[in-house]
Amino acid sequence: MPARKVKVGIIGCGGIANGKHMPNLKKIKEVEMAAFCDIVEEKAVAAAEKFGTEDAKVYVDYKELLKDPEIEVVHVCTPNRSHSFISVDAMEAGKHVMCEKPMAKTYADAKAMLEASLRTGKKLTIGYQQRWRPESLYLKKMCDEGELGEVYYARAVALRRRAVPTWGVFLNEYEQGGGPLIDIGTHALDLTLWAMNNYKPRMVVGTSYRKLADQTETGNAWGDWDPAVFTTEDSCFGFIVMENGATISLESSWALNIANPDEAVCLLAGTKAGADMLGEEPLRINSVKHGRQCIEVPNFKAGGVAFFEGSSNDNSELEARAWINAVITDTDPPTRADQAIVVTQILEAIYESAKTGKPVYLA
């Protein structure tokens, strides 16, 4: 990356900011985290002390942070409900925006974000870091080079057995817009659409369940959840038909009585070959060669492509570096907003279909 500094402001200094965004931005020498905002001031202060510059500023009102002319980039790491209006305000204030996934709680909110980006000329990207896993990049290259042929069937899988997030506002439908579908199903769907390079949905059918949320002695990975605050679904499933006739099955759960959970993975079936991320191997390629069925397993333990100097294979770090590189070089961000908005459109349609019991037609 060309040598210049990018001053970044963090809005929302909770779990995802501390676990993903700020540690990876700290690794990038071109980045200075110069402003931190959280409605709980102590969180912003702690983030500034750990990740910020010596003169980093702290705010409890994000609009005050946006007034700082030195801040070039903002990372929006707040609950889903506030993604849209904060991102729009930031772009209107002249900032480029990295918004944590999903793009927004609703399709209308996501559309407002995309329109703001187009209107202001400011970059907008969404935090879909699963694209940067080595096996994801390998699968994408295979698809782009036509090695699978026409991909006409896919599974997008984000299934946990008993791993309900019990912190923050994850269980709050008002703040988040839903449960596992919008939380982890969004990753699986983004990965699938991106690999297929198919962003034209035609029809969606969905089913949503809250079958286990009232249980106690749950065996949950992070301790028992509180049924009184568990206002979202615990599992949700979608059947998506694309304009070209391709079919995608989307499966998501935080709590489901299954033996083999798998998260943020996909299966693609094409006319020439298929590929899947299911099971113990990161990626399997299945095809027919010389009249015999074959399964190939790429070796991802050997050295991979060095995308950025000094970077590891950590997908969140690669995403952060790609994002800052896009800002510095004025190129497309790692996840374009016009792609991410389709994910939100489909998720909303699945929820709507689940409520009405009817298909939702998008084209």
Protein backbone atom coordinates (compact mmCIF):
# COMPACT_ATOMS: atom_id res chain seq x y z
CA MET A 1 0.00 0.00 0.00
CA PRO A 2 1.22 3.54 -0.69
CA ALA A 3 2.71 5.11 2.45
CA ARG A 4 0.16 7.45 3.97
CA LYS A 5 -1.88 7.45 7.14
CA VAL A 6 -5.62 6.82 7.29
CA LYS A 7 -7.31 8.13 10.40
CA VAL A 8 -10.13 5.86 11.53
CA GLY A 9 -13.00 6.39 13.94
CA ILE A 10 -14.71 3.47 15.69
CA ILE A 11 -18.42 3.77 16.43
CA GLY A 12 -19.48 1.06 18.85
CA CYS A 13 -16.74 -0.34 21.09
CA GLY A 14 -18.34 -3.64 22.07
CA GLY A 15 -17.58 -7.26 21.32
CA ILE A 16 -17.20 -7.21 17.53
CA ALA A 17 -15.06 -4.06 17.63
CA ASN A 18 -12.75 -5.52 20.27
CA GLY A 19 -12.70 -9.01 18.83
CA LYS A 20 -12.31 -8.21 15.14
CA HIS A 21 -12.08 -4.63 13.93
CA MET A 22 -9.70 -2.85 16.30
CA PRO A 23 -7.10 -5.64 16.72
CA ASN A 24 -6.76 -6.03 12.96
CA LEU A 25 -6.65 -2.30 12.23
CA LYS A 26 -3.90 -2.07 14.87
CA LYS A 27 -1.74 -4.38 12.72
CA ILE A 28 -1.86 -2.01 9.72
CA LYS A 29 0.88 0.61 9.81
CA GLU A 30 -1.09 2.94 7.54
CA VAL A 31 -3.92 3.17 10.09
CA GLU A 32 -4.29 5.50 13.05
CA MET A 33 -7.34 4.91 15.24
CA ALA A 34 -7.93 8.45 16.37
CA ALA A 35 -11.53 8.50 17.62
CA PHE A 36 -13.74 6.12 19.60
CA CYS A 37 -17.45 6.36 20.34
CA ASP A 38 -19.79 4.31 22.48
CA ILE A 39 -22.97 5.16 24.38
CA VAL A 40 -21.18 3.63 27.38
CA GLU A 41 -18.29 6.05 27.78
CA GLU A 42 -16.14 3.59 29.72
CA LYS A 43 -16.04 1.27 26.70
CA ALA A 44 -14.84 4.05 24.42
CA VAL A 45 -12.21 5.11 26.95
CA ALA A 46 -10.91 1.55 27.30
CA ALA A 47 -10.75 1.13 23.51
CA ALA A 48 -8.88 4.40 23.08
CA GLU A 49 -6.33 3.42 25.72
CA LYS A 50 -5.73 0.01 24.16
CA PHE A 51 -5.90 0.74 20.43
CA GLY A 52 -5.82 4.50 19.92
CA THR A 53 -3.22 7.13 19.23
CA GLU A 54 -1.87 9.13 22.15
CA ASP A 55 -4.28 11.97 21.41
CA ALA A 56 -7.27 9.77 20.50
CA LYS A 57 -10.62 11.39 21.20
CA VAL A 58 -13.56 9.77 22.99
CA TYR A 59 -17.24 10.41 22.31
CA VAL A 60 -20.63 9.19 23.48
CA ASP A 61 -22.47 10.82 20.55
CA TYR A 62 -21.40 9.52 17.15
CA LYS A 63 -22.51 12.74 15.47
CA GLU A 64 -19.81 14.62 17.37
CA LEU A 65 -17.19 12.17 16.10
CA LEU A 66 -18.39 12.73 12.54
CA LYS A 67 -17.64 16.46 12.86
CA ASP A 68 -13.90 15.74 13.07
CA PRO A 69 -12.48 16.61 9.62
CA GLU A 70 -9.37 14.48 10.18
CA ILE A 71 -11.35 11.23 10.40
CA GLU A 72 -11.38 9.70 6.91
CA VAL A 73 -12.86 6.28 7.67
CA VAL A 74 -15.50 5.12 10.13
CA HIS A 75 -16.14 1.56 11.30
CA VAL A 76 -19.75 1.02 12.38
CA CYS A 77 -19.80 -1.76 14.99
CA THR A 78 -23.21 -1.20 16.59
CA PRO A 79 -26.38 -3.36 16.78
CA ASN A 80 -28.05 -4.00 13.42
CA ARG A 81 -30.88 -1.51 13.99
CA SER A 82 -28.47 1.44 13.90
CA HIS A 83 -26.25 0.33 11.01
CA SER A 84 -28.18 2.29 8.41
CA PHE A 85 -28.66 5.72 9.96
CA ILE A 86 -25.14 5.86 11.39
CA SER A 87 -23.59 4.78 8.07
CA VAL A 88 -25.70 7.26 6.09
CA ASP A 89 -24.79 10.10 8.47
CA ALA A 90 -21.11 9.15 8.22
CA MET A 91 -21.09 9.17 4.43
CA GLU A 92 -22.99 12.47 4.39
CA ALA A 93 -20.24 13.80 6.67
CA GLY A 94 -17.61 12.79 4.11
CA LYS A 95 -16.39 9.53 5.65
CA HIS A 96 -15.81 6.15 4.02
CA VAL A 97 -17.66 3.42 5.93
CA MET A 98 -16.92 -0.14 6.94
CA CYS A 99 -20.16 -1.45 8.46
CA GLU A 100 -20.22 -4.73 10.33
CA LYS A 101 -22.51 -7.41 8.88
CA PRO A 102 -25.36 -7.63 8.12
CA MET A 103 -25.68 -4.50 6.01
CA ALA A 104 -28.88 -3.48 7.80
CA LYS A 105 -31.90 -4.73 9.68
CA THR A 106 -34.19 -4.21 6.68
CA TYR A 107 -33.89 -3.97 2.91
CA ALA A 108 -35.19 -0.38 3.00
CA ASP A 109 -32.42 0.57 5.43
CA ALA A 110 -29.81 -1.14 3.26
CA LYS A 111 -31.13 0.69 0.20
CA ALA A 112 -30.72 4.01 2.02
CA MET A 113 -27.08 3.11 2.69
CA LEU A 114 -26.37 2.19 -0.93
CA GLU A 115 -28.05 5.36 -2.16
CA ALA A 116 -26.00 7.46 0.25
CA SER A 117 -22.79 5.87 -1.02
CA LEU A 118 -23.73 6.58 -4.64
CA ARG A 119 -24.86 10.11 -3.81
CA THR A 120 -21.79 11.11 -1.80
CA GLY A 121 -19.16 9.12 -3.69
CA LYS A 122 -17.97 7.62 -0.40
CA LYS A 123 -16.95 3.98 -0.17
CA LEU A 124 -19.18 1.57 1.71
CA THR A 125 -18.24 -2.00 2.56
CA ILE A 126 -19.80 -4.66 4.77
CA GLY A 127 -17.89 -6.96 7.12
CA TYR A 128 -18.18 -10.32 5.36
CA GLN A 129 -14.71 -11.60 6.25
CA GLN A 130 -15.53 -15.24 5.45
CA ARG A 131 -14.72 -14.44 1.82
CA TRP A 132 -11.06 -14.16 2.83
CA ARG A 133 -10.59 -17.71 4.10
CA PRO A 134 -8.10 -19.59 1.88
CA GLU A 135 -10.70 -22.15 0.84
CA SER A 136 -13.19 -19.40 0.00
CA LEU A 137 -10.71 -17.64 -2.27
CA TYR A 138 -9.82 -20.94 -3.92
CA LEU A 139 -13.48 -21.78 -4.56
CA LYS A 140 -14.16 -18.30 -5.93
CA LYS A 141 -11.26 -18.63 -8.38
CA MET A 142 -12.57 -22.01 -9.52
CA CYS A 143 -16.02 -20.55 -10.15
CA ASP A 144 -14.66 -17.49 -11.94
CA GLU A 145 -12.61 -19.71 -14.24
CA GLY A 146 -15.60 -21.90 -15.05
CA GLU A 147 -14.23 -25.08 -13.50
CA LEU A 148 -17.59 -25.99 -11.96
CA GLY A 149 -19.51 -25.14 -15.10
CA GLU A 150 -23.02 -23.75 -14.58
CA VAL A 151 -23.72 -23.74 -10.83
CA TYR A 152 -27.41 -24.54 -10.51
CA TYR A 153 -27.69 -25.84 -6.94
CA ALA A 154 -26.16 -24.59 -3.71
CA ARG A 155 -26.43 -24.99 0.05
CA ALA A 156 -25.55 -22.12 2.38
CA VAL A 157 -25.04 -23.56 5.85
CA ALA A 158 -24.73 -21.88 9.25
CA LEU A 159 -25.87 -24.52 11.73
CA ARG A 160 -24.92 -24.51 15.39
CA ARG A 161 -26.00 -27.29 17.74
CA ARG A 162 -26.22 -25.33 21.00
CA ALA A 163 -24.23 -22.12 20.66
CA VAL A 164 -26.62 -19.25 21.36
CA PRO A 165 -24.83 -15.92 21.98
CA THR A 166 -25.98 -14.82 25.41
CA TRP A 167 -24.23 -11.43 25.58
CA GLY A 168 -25.03 -8.01 24.17
CA VAL A 169 -28.31 -7.69 22.26
CA PHE A 170 -28.07 -10.80 20.09
CA LEU A 171 -31.35 -12.18 21.48
CA ASN A 172 -33.21 -8.89 21.02
CA GLU A 173 -35.32 -8.96 17.87
CA TYR A 174 -35.92 -5.20 17.94
CA GLU A 175 -32.23 -4.33 17.99
CA GLN A 176 -31.02 -7.08 15.65
CA GLY A 177 -33.93 -7.85 13.33
CA GLY A 178 -33.75 -11.57 13.98
CA GLY A 179 -31.62 -14.39 15.31
CA PRO A 180 -29.35 -16.93 13.63
CA LEU A 181 -30.54 -16.14 10.10
CA ILE A 182 -29.45 -12.51 10.22
CA ASP A 183 -26.47 -13.22 12.50
CA ILE A 184 -24.65 -16.20 10.95
CA GLY A 185 -26.89 -17.23 8.05
CA THR A 186 -25.94 -13.91 6.51
CA HIS A 187 -22.29 -15.06 6.27
CA ALA A 188 -23.20 -18.35 4.60
CA LEU A 189 -25.50 -16.66 2.09
CA ASP A 190 -22.97 -13.94 1.23
CA LEU A 191 -20.28 -16.56 0.67
CA THR A 192 -22.57 -18.59 -1.60
CA LEU A 193 -23.83 -15.68 -3.73
CA TRP A 194 -20.28 -14.33 -4.07
CA ALA A 195 -18.81 -17.65 -5.17
CA MET A 196 -21.64 -18.18 -7.68
CA ASN A 197 -21.51 -14.51 -8.75
CA ASN A 198 -25.29 -14.60 -8.88
CA TYR A 199 -27.13 -11.67 -7.33
CA LYS A 200 -30.54 -11.90 -8.99
CA PRO A 201 -33.08 -13.65 -6.74
CA ARG A 202 -36.57 -14.34 -8.09
CA MET A 203 -38.51 -16.11 -5.36
CA VAL A 204 -38.04 -17.01 -1.69
CA VAL A 205 -39.82 -19.37 0.70
CA GLY A 206 -38.90 -19.38 4.38
CA THR A 207 -39.66 -21.14 7.66
CA SER A 208 -38.67 -19.87 11.09
CA TYR A 209 -38.75 -21.67 14.44
CA ARG A 210 -38.60 -20.80 18.11
CA LYS A 211 -38.73 -24.35 19.43
CA LEU A 212 -35.86 -24.56 21.94
CA ALA A 213 -35.66 -21.00 23.27
CA ASP A 214 -37.87 -21.68 26.32
CA GLN A 215 -35.78 -24.62 27.51
CA THR A 216 -33.61 -24.57 30.64
CA GLU A 217 -30.49 -26.64 31.37
CA THR A 218 -29.72 -26.04 27.72
CA GLY A 219 -26.19 -27.35 27.34
CA ASN A 220 -25.38 -24.09 25.58
CA ALA A 221 -21.72 -23.43 24.74
CA TRP A 222 -21.80 -20.04 26.47
CA GLY A 223 -24.03 -20.93 29.40
CA ASP A 224 -27.80 -21.15 29.66
CA TRP A 225 -29.72 -18.48 27.84
CA ASP A 226 -32.56 -16.51 29.44
CA PRO A 227 -35.86 -17.43 27.73
CA ALA A 228 -37.38 -14.13 28.89
CA VAL A 229 -35.03 -12.10 26.68
CA PHE A 230 -34.78 -14.63 23.83
CA THR A 231 -37.17 -12.84 21.42
CA THR A 232 -35.72 -14.10 18.12
CA GLU A 233 -35.98 -17.40 16.29
CA ASP A 234 -33.61 -20.21 17.26
CA SER A 235 -33.48 -21.62 13.71
CA CYS A 236 -34.55 -20.45 10.27
CA PHE A 237 -34.46 -21.93 6.77
CA GLY A 238 -34.90 -20.54 3.29
CA PHE A 239 -35.41 -21.84 -0.23
CA ILE A 240 -34.24 -19.37 -2.87
CA VAL A 241 -34.82 -19.54 -6.61
CA MET A 242 -32.66 -17.22 -8.70
CA GLU A 243 -33.70 -15.56 -11.97
CA ASN A 244 -31.57 -18.01 -13.96
CA GLY A 245 -33.29 -20.97 -12.29
CA ALA A 246 -30.52 -21.83 -9.83
CA THR A 247 -31.63 -23.04 -6.39
CA ILE A 248 -30.08 -22.14 -3.03
CA SER A 249 -30.99 -23.81 0.26
CA LEU A 250 -30.12 -21.63 3.26
CA GLU A 251 -29.93 -23.27 6.69
CA SER A 252 -29.28 -21.40 9.94
CA SER A 253 -29.53 -22.15 13.64
CA TRP A 254 -28.16 -21.17 17.01
CA ALA A 255 -29.79 -24.18 18.66
CA LEU A 256 -30.72 -27.30 16.73
CA ASN A 257 -30.53 -30.94 17.77
CA ILE A 258 -27.95 -32.03 15.22
CA ALA A 259 -24.74 -33.99 15.67
CA ASN A 260 -22.55 -32.24 13.09
CA PRO A 261 -22.81 -28.44 13.19
CA ASP A 262 -21.12 -26.40 10.47
CA GLU A 263 -20.95 -22.63 10.17
CA ALA A 264 -20.43 -20.15 7.33
CA VAL A 265 -19.86 -22.83 4.70
CA CYS A 266 -21.39 -23.71 1.37
CA LEU A 267 -21.86 -26.44 -1.19
CA LEU A 268 -21.99 -25.75 -4.93
CA ALA A 269 -23.08 -28.18 -7.63
CA GLY A 270 -22.33 -27.37 -11.26
CA THR A 271 -22.49 -29.06 -14.63
CA LYS A 272 -18.75 -29.81 -14.69
CA ALA A 273 -17.97 -30.39 -11.00
CA GLY A 274 -19.06 -29.67 -7.47
CA ALA A 275 -17.39 -28.34 -4.35
CA ASP A 276 -18.23 -28.23 -0.67
CA MET A 277 -16.88 -26.99 2.64
CA LEU A 278 -18.81 -29.55 4.68
CA GLY A 279 -17.08 -32.03 6.94
CA GLU A 280 -13.51 -32.19 8.19
CA GLU A 281 -11.73 -30.82 5.12
CA PRO A 282 -11.83 -27.07 4.37
CA LEU A 283 -12.80 -27.77 0.74
CA ARG A 284 -13.52 -30.84 -1.39
CA ILE A 285 -13.82 -30.83 -5.18
CA ASN A 286 -15.84 -33.65 -6.68
CA SER A 287 -15.83 -34.49 -10.39
CA VAL A 288 -15.61 -37.31 -12.89
CA LYS A 289 -12.24 -38.01 -14.52
CA HIS A 290 -11.56 -40.79 -17.01
CA GLY A 291 -14.93 -42.29 -16.23
CA ARG A 292 -14.33 -42.39 -12.48
CA GLN A 293 -15.82 -40.35 -9.66
CA CYS A 294 -13.07 -38.32 -7.99
CA ILE A 295 -12.75 -36.20 -4.88
CA GLU A 296 -9.81 -33.77 -4.64
CA VAL A 297 -8.74 -32.01 -1.45
CA PRO A 298 -6.55 -28.92 -1.93
CA ASN A 299 -3.69 -28.49 0.55
CA PHE A 300 -4.26 -25.24 2.43
CA LYS A 301 -1.46 -25.91 4.91
CA ALA A 302 1.18 -25.04 2.33
CA GLY A 303 2.05 -21.43 1.60
CA GLY A 304 -0.66 -19.35 0.00
CA VAL A 305 -0.81 -16.08 -1.87
CA ALA A 306 0.81 -13.14 -0.05
CA PHE A 307 -1.89 -10.53 -0.60
CA PHE A 308 -0.34 -7.90 1.66
CA GLU A 309 3.14 -7.55 3.13
CA GLY A 310 3.36 -8.87 6.65
CA SER A 311 -0.18 -10.25 6.72
CA SER A 312 -1.21 -13.66 7.95
CA ASN A 313 -3.91 -15.95 6.58
CA ASP A 314 -6.36 -14.58 9.16
CA ASN A 315 -9.49 -13.70 7.20
CA SER A 316 -10.39 -10.68 9.35
CA GLU A 317 -6.92 -9.20 8.97
CA LEU A 318 -6.94 -9.74 5.21
CA GLU A 319 -10.34 -8.07 4.98
CA ALA A 320 -9.13 -5.08 7.02
CA ARG A 321 -6.02 -4.69 4.85
CA ALA A 322 -8.05 -4.98 1.64
CA TRP A 323 -10.44 -2.31 2.94
CA ILE A 324 -7.71 0.19 3.87
CA ASN A 325 -5.94 -0.55 0.59
CA ALA A 326 -9.17 0.28 -1.29
CA VAL A 327 -9.40 3.61 0.54
CA ILE A 328 -5.78 4.53 -0.16
CA THR A 329 -5.78 3.44 -3.82
CA ASP A 330 -9.38 4.55 -4.54
CA THR A 331 -10.47 1.11 -5.73
CA ASP A 332 -13.48 -1.10 -5.03
CA PRO A 333 -13.79 -2.27 -1.41
CA PRO A 334 -13.59 -5.99 -0.53
CA THR A 335 -17.37 -6.39 -0.32
CA ARG A 336 -19.37 -4.05 -2.52
CA ALA A 337 -22.58 -2.58 -1.12
CA ASP A 338 -24.54 -3.55 -4.24
CA GLN A 339 -23.70 -7.19 -3.43
CA ALA A 340 -24.39 -7.00 0.30
CA ILE A 341 -27.79 -5.42 -0.23
CA VAL A 342 -28.99 -8.57 -2.03
CA VAL A 343 -28.14 -10.62 1.05
CA THR A 344 -30.32 -8.33 3.18
CA GLN A 345 -33.10 -8.44 0.58
CA ILE A 346 -33.17 -12.25 0.67
CA LEU A 347 -32.97 -12.48 4.48
CA GLU A 348 -35.89 -10.09 4.84
CA ALA A 349 -37.90 -12.10 2.30
CA ILE A 350 -37.24 -15.34 4.23
CA TYR A 351 -38.52 -13.73 7.43
CA GLU A 352 -41.56 -12.35 5.61
CA SER A 353 -42.37 -15.71 4.04
CA ALA A 354 -41.99 -17.42 7.41
CA LYS A 355 -44.51 -15.02 8.96
CA THR A 356 -47.08 -15.15 6.15
CA GLY A 357 -46.67 -18.75 5.05
CA LYS A 358 -46.46 -17.56 1.45
CA PRO A 359 -43.70 -17.24 -1.14
CA VAL A 360 -42.14 -13.81 -1.62
CA TYR A 361 -41.44 -12.80 -5.21
CA LEU A 362 -38.51 -10.44 -5.75
CA ALA A 363 -38.51 -10.23 -9.54
